[in-house]
């Protein structure tokens, strides 16, 4: 007599999780940071926020490793701290992390995180952490953003005054402008709640602004749109 196969409830659960609509998942903003004290010594830190800006989790620690490894540690710890499949917007100032996530990781995955070096097959750099990142990416939908800033002015912040560039007798003329009268106060529009993302930057980062690639692809702008905006 042939045995009747018993249902694999674990497989059913996995299928149920895989079929869960991505829109029903929680949304998080994950900021990953690292700082080097010495060449192979430093610290990592991550902050995990919900879509409405509430701090969910924050962690940091001192570790041995270069700046790239420390940033990877922050990424791994941050992604692994999220329970359940979620939408994650990952922010980092580390170009190695963002470029590796978008360009190198698919190739490393195909080659089982090894590459050929002078006839020998060795692990890619930080392969242990990249395997954990790859595992987290199979659970969460992650968008990685590179945050870059550059100093363009060395002027120290001073009192809110307007500096005229004209000088008189070697003295710099300063003029303090009075506040404009009759400026209407900013009021909250009807239907706008106190919760949820309030600033354009957060809405853009979380993918809810209408400037996303998908929204742009749905409609082409014309000259009339530019004139009316």
Protein backbone atom coordinates (compact mmCIF):
# COMPACT_ATOMS: atom_id res chain seq x y z
CA UNK A 1 0.00 0.00 0.00
CA UNK A 2 1.35 3.38 -0.93
CA UNK A 3 1.66 5.82 1.93
CA UNK A 4 -0.45 8.92 1.67
CA UNK A 5 1.83 11.96 1.84
CA UNK A 6 1.09 14.23 4.76
CA UNK A 7 0.71 17.92 4.05
CA UNK A 8 3.75 20.06 4.72
CA UNK A 9 2.31 22.83 6.86
CA UNK A 10 5.66 24.62 6.97
CA UNK A 11 5.70 24.78 3.18
CA UNK A 12 2.13 26.08 3.21
CA UNK A 13 3.16 28.80 5.64
CA UNK A 14 6.08 29.79 3.43
CA UNK A 15 3.81 29.95 0.40
CA UNK A 16 1.36 32.06 2.34
CA UNK A 17 4.13 34.46 3.31
CA UNK A 18 5.45 34.60 -0.24
CA UNK A 19 1.99 35.33 -1.61
CA UNK A 20 1.40 38.14 0.86
CA UNK A 21 0.83 41.39 -1.06
CA UNK A 22 3.86 43.65 -0.78
CA UNK A 23 1.56 46.63 -0.19
CA UNK A 24 0.42 45.02 3.08
CA UNK A 25 3.95 44.93 4.48
CA UNK A 26 5.26 47.34 7.05
CA UNK A 27 7.52 50.16 5.86
CA UNK A 28 10.76 51.20 7.54
CA UNK A 29 13.56 53.69 7.07
CA UNK A 30 16.95 52.16 7.92
CA UNK A 31 19.93 54.50 8.32
CA UNK A 32 23.31 52.73 8.46
CA UNK A 33 26.44 54.54 9.64
CA UNK A 34 30.04 53.69 10.44
CA UNK A 35 33.06 55.55 11.72
CA UNK A 36 36.74 54.59 11.64
CA UNK A 37 38.93 55.36 14.61
CA UNK A 38 41.96 53.57 13.17
CA UNK A 39 42.60 51.64 9.97
CA UNK A 40 40.93 48.47 11.30
CA UNK A 41 39.03 49.78 14.29
CA UNK A 42 35.85 51.77 14.56
CA UNK A 43 32.14 51.71 15.32
CA UNK A 44 28.87 51.03 13.54
CA UNK A 45 25.38 52.35 14.19
CA UNK A 46 21.92 51.95 12.72
CA UNK A 47 18.56 53.54 13.38
CA UNK A 48 15.29 51.96 12.31
CA UNK A 49 12.25 54.20 11.95
CA UNK A 50 8.69 53.51 10.94
CA UNK A 51 7.09 55.25 7.98
CA UNK A 52 5.65 57.97 10.21
CA UNK A 53 9.05 58.82 11.72
CA UNK A 54 8.73 56.93 15.00
CA UNK A 55 12.00 55.42 16.25
CA UNK A 56 11.65 51.63 16.36
CA UNK A 57 15.18 50.53 17.22
CA UNK A 58 18.63 52.02 17.56
CA UNK A 59 21.88 50.11 18.12
CA UNK A 60 25.63 50.71 17.94
CA UNK A 61 28.85 49.01 18.93
CA UNK A 62 32.63 49.13 18.55
CA UNK A 63 34.12 46.50 16.25
CA UNK A 64 37.33 45.51 14.54
CA UNK A 65 37.26 46.12 10.79
CA UNK A 66 37.67 48.70 8.08
CA UNK A 67 35.02 51.27 7.22
CA UNK A 68 33.36 49.05 4.61
CA UNK A 69 33.03 46.11 7.00
CA UNK A 70 31.70 48.33 9.76
CA UNK A 71 29.04 49.71 7.40
CA UNK A 72 28.13 46.16 6.40
CA UNK A 73 27.78 45.22 10.06
CA UNK A 74 25.32 48.08 10.57
CA UNK A 75 23.38 46.93 7.50
CA UNK A 76 23.25 43.29 8.59
CA UNK A 77 22.20 44.09 12.15
CA UNK A 78 19.58 46.54 10.93
CA UNK A 79 18.01 44.23 8.35
CA UNK A 80 18.07 41.22 10.68
CA UNK A 81 16.32 43.20 13.41
CA UNK A 82 13.17 43.59 11.29
CA UNK A 83 10.48 40.99 11.97
CA UNK A 84 8.48 39.79 9.00
CA UNK A 85 8.70 40.73 5.34
CA UNK A 86 8.80 44.50 5.03
CA UNK A 87 9.53 47.40 2.72
CA UNK A 88 12.85 48.93 3.72
CA UNK A 89 14.47 52.12 2.47
CA UNK A 90 18.15 51.88 3.34
CA UNK A 91 20.25 55.05 3.59
CA UNK A 92 24.04 55.11 3.72
CA UNK A 93 26.91 57.42 2.88
CA UNK A 94 29.10 54.43 1.97
CA UNK A 95 29.47 54.18 -1.81
CA UNK A 96 30.96 50.67 -1.59
CA UNK A 97 27.82 49.37 0.12
CA UNK A 98 25.32 50.90 -2.31
CA UNK A 99 27.24 49.99 -5.45
CA UNK A 100 27.86 46.44 -4.26
CA UNK A 101 24.16 45.98 -3.46
CA UNK A 102 23.07 47.12 -6.92
CA UNK A 103 25.92 45.95 -9.15
CA UNK A 104 28.12 43.29 -7.53
CA UNK A 105 25.79 41.27 -5.33
CA UNK A 106 23.89 39.52 -8.17
CA UNK A 107 27.19 38.34 -9.65
CA UNK A 108 28.54 37.22 -6.28
CA UNK A 109 25.34 35.29 -5.63
CA UNK A 110 25.66 33.40 -8.91
CA UNK A 111 29.28 32.47 -8.07
CA UNK A 112 28.45 31.46 -4.47
CA UNK A 113 30.39 34.47 -3.15
CA UNK A 114 33.78 33.24 -4.45
CA UNK A 115 35.96 34.50 -7.27
CA UNK A 116 39.07 33.30 -9.03
CA UNK A 117 42.33 34.91 -8.00
CA UNK A 118 45.54 33.72 -9.75
CA UNK A 119 44.08 30.29 -10.34
CA UNK A 120 42.60 29.95 -6.85
CA UNK A 121 38.99 30.34 -5.83
CA UNK A 122 38.68 32.51 -2.75
CA UNK A 123 35.82 34.24 -0.95
CA UNK A 124 34.92 37.74 -1.98
CA UNK A 125 35.77 40.40 0.57
CA UNK A 126 33.46 40.27 3.60
CA UNK A 127 31.70 37.21 2.14
CA UNK A 128 30.36 36.18 5.57
CA UNK A 129 28.43 39.44 5.90
CA UNK A 130 27.34 39.56 2.26
CA UNK A 131 25.74 36.12 2.60
CA UNK A 132 23.69 37.42 5.52
CA UNK A 133 22.73 40.54 3.57
CA UNK A 134 21.67 38.39 0.63
CA UNK A 135 19.51 36.29 2.93
CA UNK A 136 17.81 39.42 4.29
CA UNK A 137 17.18 40.68 0.76
CA UNK A 138 15.29 37.46 0.00
CA UNK A 139 12.87 38.39 2.81
CA UNK A 140 12.51 42.17 2.55
CA UNK A 141 11.97 44.51 -0.36
CA UNK A 142 14.92 46.90 -0.01
CA UNK A 143 15.67 50.15 -1.81
CA UNK A 144 19.19 51.44 -1.19
CA UNK A 145 19.95 55.17 -1.40
CA UNK A 146 23.38 56.76 -1.39
CA UNK A 147 23.40 59.97 0.65
CA UNK A 148 26.19 62.31 -0.35
CA UNK A 149 27.08 65.76 0.94
CA UNK A 150 29.87 68.18 0.15
CA UNK A 151 31.03 71.32 1.92
CA UNK A 152 30.55 74.26 -0.42
CA UNK A 153 30.94 77.15 2.04
CA UNK A 154 33.37 77.69 4.92
CA UNK A 155 31.37 80.54 6.42
CA UNK A 156 30.47 79.93 10.05
CA UNK A 157 26.78 80.45 10.91
CA UNK A 158 26.10 83.82 12.54
CA UNK A 159 23.10 85.88 13.60
CA UNK A 160 20.31 86.17 11.00
CA UNK A 161 21.58 89.35 9.34
CA UNK A 162 21.97 90.33 5.71
CA UNK A 163 25.54 91.20 4.80
CA UNK A 164 26.03 93.82 2.12
CA UNK A 165 29.12 93.08 0.11
CA UNK A 166 30.01 96.77 -0.08
CA UNK A 167 32.60 98.04 2.37
CA UNK A 168 33.21 101.53 3.59
CA UNK A 169 36.60 102.56 4.90
CA UNK A 170 37.64 98.95 5.24
CA UNK A 171 34.57 98.19 7.39
CA UNK A 172 31.99 95.62 6.37
CA UNK A 173 28.48 97.10 6.31
CA UNK A 174 25.86 94.95 8.04
CA UNK A 175 22.15 95.55 7.61
CA UNK A 176 19.48 93.93 9.75
CA UNK A 177 16.15 93.66 7.95
CA UNK A 178 12.93 93.94 9.90
CA UNK A 179 10.37 91.18 9.66
CA UNK A 180 7.77 91.53 6.93
CA UNK A 181 4.33 92.46 8.16
CA UNK A 182 1.22 90.66 7.12
CA UNK A 183 2.80 87.28 6.45
CA UNK A 184 0.06 84.67 6.89
CA UNK A 185 0.76 81.89 9.33
CA UNK A 186 0.97 78.36 8.01
CA UNK A 187 -2.13 76.42 8.90
CA UNK A 188 -2.85 72.75 8.65
CA UNK A 189 -5.09 71.89 5.74
CA UNK A 190 -8.38 70.18 6.32
CA UNK A 191 -8.05 66.42 6.39
CA UNK A 192 -4.36 66.49 7.21
CA UNK A 193 -3.65 64.32 10.23
CA UNK A 194 -1.01 64.85 12.86
CA UNK A 195 0.51 61.45 12.17
CA UNK A 196 2.32 60.19 9.10
CA UNK A 197 5.19 61.69 7.11
CA UNK A 198 5.00 65.48 7.22
CA UNK A 199 7.99 66.49 5.12
CA UNK A 200 8.63 66.03 1.44
CA UNK A 201 12.07 64.47 2.05
CA UNK A 202 10.70 61.63 4.16
CA UNK A 203 7.82 61.01 1.74
CA UNK A 204 10.27 60.89 -1.13
CA UNK A 205 12.63 58.54 0.71
CA UNK A 206 9.81 56.20 1.66
CA UNK A 207 8.66 56.06 -1.95
CA UNK A 208 5.28 57.73 -1.41
CA UNK A 209 5.97 60.93 -3.35
CA UNK A 210 4.74 61.27 -6.91
CA UNK A 211 8.34 61.74 -8.12
CA UNK A 212 9.02 58.01 -8.23
CA UNK A 213 10.15 56.38 -11.46
CA UNK A 214 6.90 54.43 -11.75
CA UNK A 215 4.80 57.55 -11.44
CA UNK A 216 6.97 59.39 -13.97
CA UNK A 217 6.75 56.52 -16.43
CA UNK A 218 2.95 56.55 -16.34
CA UNK A 219 2.71 60.08 -17.76
CA UNK A 220 4.89 62.24 -19.95
CA UNK A 221 5.04 65.93 -19.12
CA UNK A 222 4.38 68.54 -21.76
CA UNK A 223 5.34 72.19 -22.11
CA UNK A 224 1.89 73.15 -20.81
CA UNK A 225 2.58 71.28 -17.58
CA UNK A 226 5.80 73.22 -17.05
CA UNK A 227 4.11 76.56 -17.68
CA UNK A 228 1.26 75.80 -15.28
CA UNK A 229 3.49 74.60 -12.43
